[in-house]
Amino acid sequence: MSAWFIASLALLIGMVPLLIVLERTDTVSRLIALETLTVMTALVLLTLAEAFGRSFYAMLALILALTSVVGSPVYARFLERYL
């Protein structure tokens, strides 16, 4: 078990409180938790890419980061319109 794999497990365990926030809080807090989960998921993919030596996971992390940059304003605009 490498340090990269242990780091990815720690990030996955750190996602549990954010999942609880997504389940139980108000809309704005859910949006913040969702964006934080997106960043953490990209970090998990990057650490797994290093742990397993596969560049495909790194490409997935890059695609996730790019789509989250585009998706954040869409969520914010939707919430602004309906709140």
PDB file of N, CA and C in Angstrom:
ATOM      1  N   MET A   1       0.846  -1.167   0.000  1.00  0.00           N
ATOM      2  CA  MET A   1       0.000   0.000   0.000  1.00  0.00           C
ATOM      3  C   MET A   1       0.899   1.241   0.000  1.00  0.00           C
ATOM      4  N   SER A   2       0.733   2.073  -0.999  1.00  0.00           N
ATOM      5  CA  SER A   2       1.583   3.250  -1.117  1.00  0.00           C
ATOM      6  C   SER A   2       0.961   4.448  -0.392  1.00  0.00           C
ATOM      7  N   ALA A   3       1.767   5.486  -0.258  1.00  0.00           N
ATOM      8  CA  ALA A   3       1.291   6.699   0.403  1.00  0.00           C
ATOM      9  C   ALA A   3       0.188   7.362  -0.416  1.00  0.00           C
ATOM     10  N   TRP A   4       0.262   7.245  -1.739  1.00  0.00           N
ATOM     11  CA  TRP A   4      -0.781   7.825  -2.603  1.00  0.00           C
ATOM     12  C   TRP A   4      -2.118   7.138  -2.364  1.00  0.00           C
ATOM     13  N   PHE A   5      -2.080   5.826  -2.189  1.00  0.00           N
ATOM     14  CA  PHE A   5      -3.315   5.085  -1.959  1.00  0.00           C
ATOM     15  C   PHE A   5      -3.911   5.444  -0.602  1.00  0.00           C
ATOM     16  N   ILE A   6      -3.062   5.592   0.403  1.00  0.00           N
ATOM     17  CA  ILE A   6      -3.538   5.987   1.733  1.00  0.00           C
ATOM     18  C   ILE A   6      -4.120   7.401   1.685  1.00  0.00           C
ATOM     19  N   ALA A   7      -3.502   8.284   0.907  1.00  0.00           N
ATOM     20  CA  ALA A   7      -4.034   9.647   0.767  1.00  0.00           C
ATOM     21  C   ALA A   7      -5.407   9.634   0.105  1.00  0.00           C
ATOM     22  N   SER A   8      -5.582   8.779  -0.891  1.00  0.00           N
ATOM     23  CA  SER A   8      -6.899   8.723  -1.546  1.00  0.00           C
ATOM     24  C   SER A   8      -7.956   8.155  -0.606  1.00  0.00           C
ATOM     25  N   LEU A   9      -7.583   7.185   0.226  1.00  0.00           N
ATOM     26  CA  LEU A   9      -8.538   6.668   1.214  1.00  0.00           C
ATOM     27  C   LEU A   9      -8.906   7.739   2.241  1.00  0.00           C
ATOM     28  N   ALA A  10      -7.937   8.538   2.649  1.00  0.00           N
ATOM     29  CA  ALA A  10      -8.216   9.612   3.603  1.00  0.00           C
ATOM     30  C   ALA A  10      -9.164  10.646   2.994  1.00  0.00           C
ATOM     31  N   LEU A  11      -8.966  10.955   1.717  1.00  0.00           N
ATOM     32  CA  LEU A  11      -9.871  11.894   1.048  1.00  0.00           C
ATOM     33  C   LEU A  11     -11.282  11.320   0.943  1.00  0.00           C
ATOM     34  N   LEU A  12     -11.375  10.028   0.661  1.00  0.00           N
ATOM     35  CA  LEU A  12     -12.695   9.398   0.579  1.00  0.00           C
ATOM     36  C   LEU A  12     -13.400   9.403   1.922  1.00  0.00           C
ATOM     37  N   ILE A  13     -12.664   9.162   2.996  1.00  0.00           N
ATOM     38  CA  ILE A  13     -13.273   9.207   4.327  1.00  0.00           C
ATOM     39  C   ILE A  13     -13.685  10.639   4.667  1.00  0.00           C
ATOM     40  N   GLY A  14     -12.919  11.612   4.197  1.00  0.00           N
ATOM     41  CA  GLY A  14     -13.254  13.012   4.433  1.00  0.00           C
ATOM     42  C   GLY A  14     -14.492  13.472   3.687  1.00  0.00           C
ATOM     43  N   MET A  15     -14.949  12.700   2.729  1.00  0.00           N
ATOM     44  CA  MET A  15     -16.157  13.057   1.985  1.00  0.00           C
ATOM     45  C   MET A  15     -17.439  12.744   2.750  1.00  0.00           C
ATOM     46  N   VAL A  16     -17.364  11.901   3.756  1.00  0.00           N
ATOM     47  CA  VAL A  16     -18.572  11.477   4.480  1.00  0.00           C
ATOM     48  C   VAL A  16     -19.313  12.648   5.114  1.00  0.00           C
ATOM     49  N   PRO A  17     -18.645  13.576   5.819  1.00  0.00           N
ATOM     50  CA  PRO A  17     -19.398  14.710   6.376  1.00  0.00           C
ATOM     51  C   PRO A  17     -20.060  15.577   5.299  1.00  0.00           C
ATOM     52  N   LEU A  18     -19.416  15.692   4.147  1.00  0.00           N
ATOM     53  CA  LEU A  18     -20.022  16.473   3.061  1.00  0.00           C
ATOM     54  C   LEU A  18     -21.273  15.789   2.526  1.00  0.00           C
ATOM     55  N   LEU A  19     -21.266  14.481   2.498  1.00  0.00           N
ATOM     56  CA  LEU A  19     -22.469  13.760   2.075  1.00  0.00           C
ATOM     57  C   LEU A  19     -23.607  13.963   3.062  1.00  0.00           C
ATOM     58  N   ILE A  20     -23.282  14.062   4.343  1.00  0.00           N
ATOM     59  CA  ILE A  20     -24.306  14.341   5.352  1.00  0.00           C
ATOM     60  C   ILE A  20     -24.861  15.751   5.160  1.00  0.00           C
ATOM     61  N   VAL A  21     -23.992  16.700   4.842  1.00  0.00           N
ATOM     62  CA  VAL A  21     -24.440  18.077   4.565  1.00  0.00           C
ATOM     63  C   VAL A  21     -25.372  18.087   3.363  1.00  0.00           C
ATOM     64  N   LEU A  22     -25.037  17.318   2.327  1.00  0.00           N
ATOM     65  CA  LEU A  22     -25.909  17.248   1.145  1.00  0.00           C
ATOM     66  C   LEU A  22     -27.287  16.698   1.486  1.00  0.00           C
ATOM     67  N   GLU A  23     -27.346  15.852   2.483  1.00  0.00           N
ATOM     68  CA  GLU A  23     -28.612  15.223   2.838  1.00  0.00           C
ATOM     69  C   GLU A  23     -29.490  16.106   3.714  1.00  0.00           C
ATOM     70  N   ARG A  24     -28.894  16.928   4.578  1.00  0.00           N
ATOM     71  CA  ARG A  24     -29.687  17.513   5.655  1.00  0.00           C
ATOM     72  C   ARG A  24     -29.788  19.028   5.722  1.00  0.00           C
ATOM     73  N   THR A  25     -29.065  19.782   4.911  1.00  0.00           N
ATOM     74  CA  THR A  25     -29.036  21.230   5.132  1.00  0.00           C
ATOM     75  C   THR A  25     -29.787  21.997   4.053  1.00  0.00           C
ATOM     76  N   ASP A  26     -29.633  23.308   4.101  1.00  0.00           N
ATOM     77  CA  ASP A  26     -30.343  24.174   3.146  1.00  0.00           C
ATOM     78  C   ASP A  26     -29.651  24.168   1.781  1.00  0.00           C
ATOM     79  N   THR A  27     -30.235  24.866   0.834  1.00  0.00           N
ATOM     80  CA  THR A  27     -29.818  24.788  -0.562  1.00  0.00           C
ATOM     81  C   THR A  27     -28.427  25.365  -0.797  1.00  0.00           C
ATOM     82  N   VAL A  28     -28.127  26.494  -0.197  1.00  0.00           N
ATOM     83  CA  VAL A  28     -26.829  27.120  -0.425  1.00  0.00           C
ATOM     84  C   VAL A  28     -25.715  26.244   0.151  1.00  0.00           C
ATOM     85  N   SER A  29     -25.936  25.679   1.323  1.00  0.00           N
ATOM     86  CA  SER A  29     -24.939  24.778   1.913  1.00  0.00           C
ATOM     87  C   SER A  29     -24.766  23.527   1.071  1.00  0.00           C
ATOM     88  N   ARG A  30     -25.828  23.072   0.468  1.00  0.00           N
ATOM     89  CA  ARG A  30     -25.722  21.914  -0.421  1.00  0.00           C
ATOM     90  C   ARG A  30     -24.873  22.227  -1.638  1.00  0.00           C
ATOM     91  N   LEU A  31     -25.018  23.413  -2.180  1.00  0.00           N
ATOM     92  CA  LEU A  31     -24.215  23.803  -3.339  1.00  0.00           C
ATOM     93  C   LEU A  31     -22.737  23.872  -2.978  1.00  0.00           C
ATOM     94  N   ILE A  32     -22.428  24.440  -1.839  1.00  0.00           N
ATOM     95  CA  ILE A  32     -21.037  24.523  -1.397  1.00  0.00           C
ATOM     96  C   ILE A  32     -20.473  23.131  -1.155  1.00  0.00           C
ATOM     97  N   ALA A  33     -21.257  22.258  -0.538  1.00  0.00           N
ATOM     98  CA  ALA A  33     -20.804  20.885  -0.304  1.00  0.00           C
ATOM     99  C   ALA A  33     -20.601  20.142  -1.619  1.00  0.00           C
ATOM    100  N   LEU A  34     -21.466  20.376  -2.580  1.00  0.00           N
ATOM    101  CA  LEU A  34     -21.321  19.723  -3.883  1.00  0.00           C
ATOM    102  C   LEU A  34     -20.046  20.173  -4.586  1.00  0.00           C
ATOM    103  N   GLU A  35     -19.751  21.453  -4.533  1.00  0.00           N
ATOM    104  CA  GLU A  35     -18.527  21.953  -5.160  1.00  0.00           C
ATOM    105  C   GLU A  35     -17.283  21.415  -4.444  1.00  0.00           C
ATOM    106  N   THR A  36     -17.340  21.330  -3.132  1.00  0.00           N
ATOM    107  CA  THR A  36     -16.219  20.769  -2.380  1.00  0.00           C
ATOM    108  C   THR A  36     -16.040  19.292  -2.700  1.00  0.00           C
ATOM    109  N   LEU A  37     -17.131  18.567  -2.832  1.00  0.00           N
ATOM    110  CA  LEU A  37     -17.052  17.159  -3.217  1.00  0.00           C
ATOM    111  C   LEU A  37     -16.453  16.989  -4.609  1.00  0.00           C
ATOM    112  N   THR A  38     -16.748  17.897  -5.498  1.00  0.00           N
ATOM    113  CA  THR A  38     -16.175  17.821  -6.840  1.00  0.00           C
ATOM    114  C   THR A  38     -14.665  17.989  -6.805  1.00  0.00           C
ATOM    115  N   VAL A  39     -14.203  18.946  -6.011  1.00  0.00           N
ATOM    116  CA  VAL A  39     -12.758  19.149  -5.878  1.00  0.00           C
ATOM    117  C   VAL A  39     -12.106  17.940  -5.237  1.00  0.00           C
ATOM    118  N   MET A  40     -12.727  17.405  -4.203  1.00  0.00           N
ATOM    119  CA  MET A  40     -12.156  16.241  -3.527  1.00  0.00           C
ATOM    120  C   MET A  40     -12.150  15.014  -4.430  1.00  0.00           C
ATOM    121  N   THR A  41     -13.165  14.864  -5.265  1.00  0.00           N
ATOM    122  CA  THR A  41     -13.197  13.743  -6.197  1.00  0.00           C
ATOM    123  C   THR A  41     -12.079  13.849  -7.220  1.00  0.00           C
ATOM    124  N   ALA A  42     -11.822  15.054  -7.685  1.00  0.00           N
ATOM    125  CA  ALA A  42     -10.703  15.248  -8.615  1.00  0.00           C
ATOM    126  C   ALA A  42      -9.379  14.917  -7.931  1.00  0.00           C
ATOM    127  N   LEU A  43      -9.238  15.303  -6.674  1.00  0.00           N
ATOM    128  CA  LEU A  43      -8.021  14.966  -5.939  1.00  0.00           C
ATOM    129  C   LEU A  43      -7.883  13.463  -5.723  1.00  0.00           C
ATOM    130  N   VAL A  44      -8.991  12.789  -5.453  1.00  0.00           N
ATOM    131  CA  VAL A  44      -8.950  11.325  -5.308  1.00  0.00           C
ATOM    132  C   VAL A  44      -8.511  10.678  -6.618  1.00  0.00           C
ATOM    133  N   LEU A  45      -9.042  11.157  -7.726  1.00  0.00           N
ATOM    134  CA  LEU A  45      -8.643  10.608  -9.017  1.00  0.00           C
ATOM    135  C   LEU A  45      -7.163  10.843  -9.300  1.00  0.00           C
ATOM    136  N   LEU A  46      -6.654  12.009  -8.922  1.00  0.00           N
ATOM    137  CA  LEU A  46      -5.230  12.286  -9.121  1.00  0.00           C
ATOM    138  C   LEU A  46      -4.353  11.402  -8.240  1.00  0.00           C
ATOM    139  N   THR A  47      -4.740  11.214  -6.984  1.00  0.00           N
ATOM    140  CA  THR A  47      -3.945  10.348  -6.115  1.00  0.00           C
ATOM    141  C   THR A  47      -4.012   8.895  -6.559  1.00  0.00           C
ATOM    142  N   LEU A  48      -5.155   8.459  -7.062  1.00  0.00           N
ATOM    143  CA  LEU A  48      -5.253   7.092  -7.574  1.00  0.00           C
ATOM    144  C   LEU A  48      -4.444   6.921  -8.860  1.00  0.00           C
ATOM    145  N   ALA A  49      -4.366   7.973  -9.659  1.00  0.00           N
ATOM    146  CA  ALA A  49      -3.543   7.905 -10.869  1.00  0.00           C
ATOM    147  C   ALA A  49      -2.078   7.692 -10.498  1.00  0.00           C
ATOM    148  N   GLU A  50      -1.628   8.366  -9.454  1.00  0.00           N
ATOM    149  CA  GLU A  50      -0.250   8.173  -9.003  1.00  0.00           C
ATOM    150  C   GLU A  50      -0.072   6.821  -8.332  1.00  0.00           C
ATOM    151  N   ALA A  51      -1.069   6.383  -7.561  1.00  0.00           N
ATOM    152  CA  ALA A  51      -0.946   5.119  -6.833  1.00  0.00           C
ATOM    153  C   ALA A  51      -0.887   3.928  -7.792  1.00  0.00           C
ATOM    154  N   PHE A  52      -1.696   3.936  -8.820  1.00  0.00           N
ATOM    155  CA  PHE A  52      -1.757   2.801  -9.739  1.00  0.00           C
ATOM    156  C   PHE A  52      -0.928   2.996 -10.997  1.00  0.00           C
ATOM    157  N   GLY A  53      -0.386   4.204 -11.178  1.00  0.00           N
ATOM    158  CA  GLY A  53       0.439   4.462 -12.353  1.00  0.00           C
ATOM    159  C   GLY A  53      -0.345   4.497 -13.651  1.00  0.00           C
ATOM    160  N   ARG A  54      -1.564   4.986 -13.598  1.00  0.00           N
ATOM    161  CA  ARG A  54      -2.416   5.074 -14.786  1.00  0.00           C
ATOM    162  C   ARG A  54      -2.744   6.526 -15.076  1.00  0.00           C
ATOM    163  N   SER A  55      -2.444   6.947 -16.267  1.00  0.00           N
ATOM    164  CA  SER A  55      -2.696   8.343 -16.625  1.00  0.00           C
ATOM    165  C   SER A  55      -4.168   8.592 -16.946  1.00  0.00           C
ATOM    166  N   PHE A  56      -4.927   7.533 -17.175  1.00  0.00           N
ATOM    167  CA  PHE A  56      -6.345   7.690 -17.495  1.00  0.00           C
ATOM    168  C   PHE A  56      -7.097   8.373 -16.353  1.00  0.00           C
ATOM    169  N   TYR A  57      -6.760   8.039 -15.103  1.00  0.00           N
ATOM    170  CA  TYR A  57      -7.415   8.669 -13.962  1.00  0.00           C
ATOM    171  C   TYR A  57      -7.094  10.160 -13.892  1.00  0.00           C
ATOM    172  N   ALA A  58      -5.900  10.519 -14.276  1.00  0.00           N
ATOM    173  CA  ALA A  58      -5.529  11.935 -14.289  1.00  0.00           C
ATOM    174  C   ALA A  58      -6.328  12.691 -15.347  1.00  0.00           C
ATOM    175  N   MET A  59      -6.552  12.059 -16.494  1.00  0.00           N
ATOM    176  CA  MET A  59      -7.383  12.697 -17.522  1.00  0.00           C
ATOM    177  C   MET A  59      -8.813  12.857 -17.036  1.00  0.00           C
ATOM    178  N   LEU A  60      -9.325  11.868 -16.311  1.00  0.00           N
ATOM    179  CA  LEU A  60     -10.669  11.993 -15.744  1.00  0.00           C
ATOM    180  C   LEU A  60     -10.742  13.147 -14.751  1.00  0.00           C
ATOM    181  N   ALA A  61      -9.710  13.299 -13.944  1.00  0.00           N
ATOM    182  CA  ALA A  61      -9.679  14.410 -12.984  1.00  0.00           C
ATOM    183  C   ALA A  61      -9.671  15.749 -13.710  1.00  0.00           C
ATOM    184  N   LEU A  62      -8.931  15.839 -14.800  1.00  0.00           N
ATOM    185  CA  LEU A  62      -8.894  17.082 -15.581  1.00  0.00           C
ATOM    186  C   LEU A  62     -10.264  17.384 -16.183  1.00  0.00           C
ATOM    187  N   ILE A  63     -10.917  16.386 -16.733  1.00  0.00           N
ATOM    188  CA  ILE A  63     -12.252  16.580 -17.316  1.00  0.00           C
ATOM    189  C   ILE A  63     -13.250  16.988 -16.237  1.00  0.00           C
ATOM    190  N   LEU A  64     -13.157  16.353 -15.070  1.00  0.00           N
ATOM    191  CA  LEU A  64     -14.049  16.709 -13.963  1.00  0.00           C
ATOM    192  C   LEU A  64     -13.822  18.143 -13.516  1.00  0.00           C
ATOM    193  N   ALA A  65     -12.579  18.563 -13.435  1.00  0.00           N
ATOM    194  CA  ALA A  65     -12.279  19.939 -13.029  1.00  0.00           C
ATOM    195  C   ALA A  65     -12.826  20.943 -14.036  1.00  0.00           C
ATOM    196  N   LEU A  66     -12.672  20.650 -15.320  1.00  0.00           N
ATOM    197  CA  LEU A  66     -13.170  21.571 -16.350  1.00  0.00           C
ATOM    198  C   LEU A  66     -14.691  21.655 -16.354  1.00  0.00           C
ATOM    199  N   THR A  67     -15.358  20.529 -16.206  1.00  0.00           N
ATOM    200  CA  THR A  67     -16.824  20.557 -16.203  1.00  0.00           C
ATOM    201  C   THR A  67     -17.371  21.184 -14.928  1.00  0.00           C
ATOM    202  N   SER A  68     -16.642  21.086 -13.825  1.00  0.00           N
ATOM    203  CA  SER A  68     -17.135  21.720 -12.605  1.00  0.00           C
ATOM    204  C   SER A  68     -17.004  23.236 -12.687  1.00  0.00           C
ATOM    205  N   VAL A  69     -15.982  23.721 -13.393  1.00  0.00           N
ATOM    206  CA  VAL A  69     -15.838  25.171 -13.596  1.00  0.00           C
ATOM    207  C   VAL A  69     -17.011  25.702 -14.403  1.00  0.00           C
ATOM    208  N   VAL A  70     -17.459  24.954 -15.378  1.00  0.00           N
ATOM    209  CA  VAL A  70     -18.603  25.361 -16.192  1.00  0.00           C
ATOM    210  C   VAL A  70     -19.910  25.164 -15.435  1.00  0.00           C
ATOM    211  N   GLY A  71     -19.992  24.120 -14.639  1.00  0.00           N
ATOM    212  CA  GLY A  71     -21.229  23.797 -13.941  1.00  0.00           C
ATOM    213  C   GLY A  71     -21.547  24.702 -12.774  1.00  0.00           C
ATOM    214  N   SER A  72     -20.538  25.243 -12.118  1.00  0.00           N
ATOM    215  CA  SER A  72     -20.770  26.090 -10.940  1.00  0.00           C
ATOM    216  C   SER A  72     -21.606  27.328 -11.251  1.00  0.00           C
ATOM    217  N   PRO A  73     -21.289  28.085 -12.305  1.00  0.00           N
ATOM    218  CA  PRO A  73     -22.148  29.241 -12.611  1.00  0.00           C
ATOM    219  C   PRO A  73     -23.571  28.848 -12.994  1.00  0.00           C
ATOM    220  N   VAL A  74     -23.731  27.692 -13.584  1.00  0.00           N
ATOM    221  CA  VAL A  74     -25.076  27.236 -13.945  1.00  0.00           C
ATOM    222  C   VAL A  74     -25.900  26.997 -12.687  1.00  0.00           C
ATOM    223  N   TYR A  75     -25.307  26.303 -11.708  1.00  0.00           N
ATOM    224  CA  TYR A  75     -26.014  26.089 -10.442  1.00  0.00           C
ATOM    225  C   TYR A  75     -26.302  27.412  -9.750  1.00  0.00           C
ATOM    226  N   ALA A  76     -25.336  28.307  -9.715  1.00  0.00           N
ATOM    227  CA  ALA A  76     -25.528  29.591  -9.034  1.00  0.00           C
ATOM    228  C   ALA A  76     -26.632  30.409  -9.708  1.00  0.00           C
ATOM    229  N   ARG A  77     -26.639  30.400 -11.015  1.00  0.00           N
ATOM    230  CA  ARG A  77     -27.680  31.159 -11.734  1.00  0.00           C
ATOM    231  C   ARG A  77     -29.058  30.552 -11.499  1.00  0.00           C
ATOM    232  N   PHE A  78     -29.129  29.232 -11.477  1.00  0.00           N
ATOM    233  CA  PHE A  78     -30.395  28.546 -11.198  1.00  0.00           C
ATOM    234  C   PHE A  78     -30.891  28.892  -9.808  1.00  0.00           C
ATOM    235  N   LEU A  79     -29.999  28.860  -8.812  1.00  0.00           N
ATOM    236  CA  LEU A  79     -30.393  29.163  -7.453  1.00  0.00           C
ATOM    237  C   LEU A  79     -30.788  30.634  -7.288  1.00  0.00           C
ATOM    238  N   GLU A  80     -30.089  31.517  -8.010  1.00  0.00           N
ATOM    239  CA  GLU A  80     -30.412  32.947  -7.936  1.00  0.00           C
ATOM    240  C   GLU A  80     -31.814  33.215  -8.469  1.00  0.00           C
ATOM    241  N   ARG A  81     -32.191  32.493  -9.508  1.00  0.00           N
ATOM    242  CA  ARG A  81     -33.486  32.694 -10.145  1.00  0.00           C
ATOM    243  C   ARG A  81     -34.621  32.180  -9.261  1.00  0.00           C
ATOM    244  N   TYR A  82     -34.408  31.056  -8.564  1.00  0.00           N
ATOM    245  CA  TYR A  82     -35.509  30.418  -7.854  1.00  0.00           C
ATOM    246  C   TYR A  82     -35.480  30.601  -6.348  1.00  0.00           C
ATOM    247  N   LEU A  83     -34.516  31.334  -5.827  1.00  0.00           N
ATOM    248  CA  LEU A  83     -34.511  31.575  -4.377  1.00  0.00           C
ATOM    249  C   LEU A  83     -34.924  32.960  -4.038  1.00  0.00           C
TER     250      LEU A  83
END
